[in-house]
Amino acid sequence: DSGKEQLLKEEKLVEAKLEDVK
């Protein structure tokens, strides 16, 4: 399950970057 949490963390990082681009 730690892999899932890592994916969630990276997904949130990507979302944050996309928000910054806006």
Foldseek 3Di string as FASTA:
>chain_A
DVVVVVVVVVVVVVVVVVVVVD
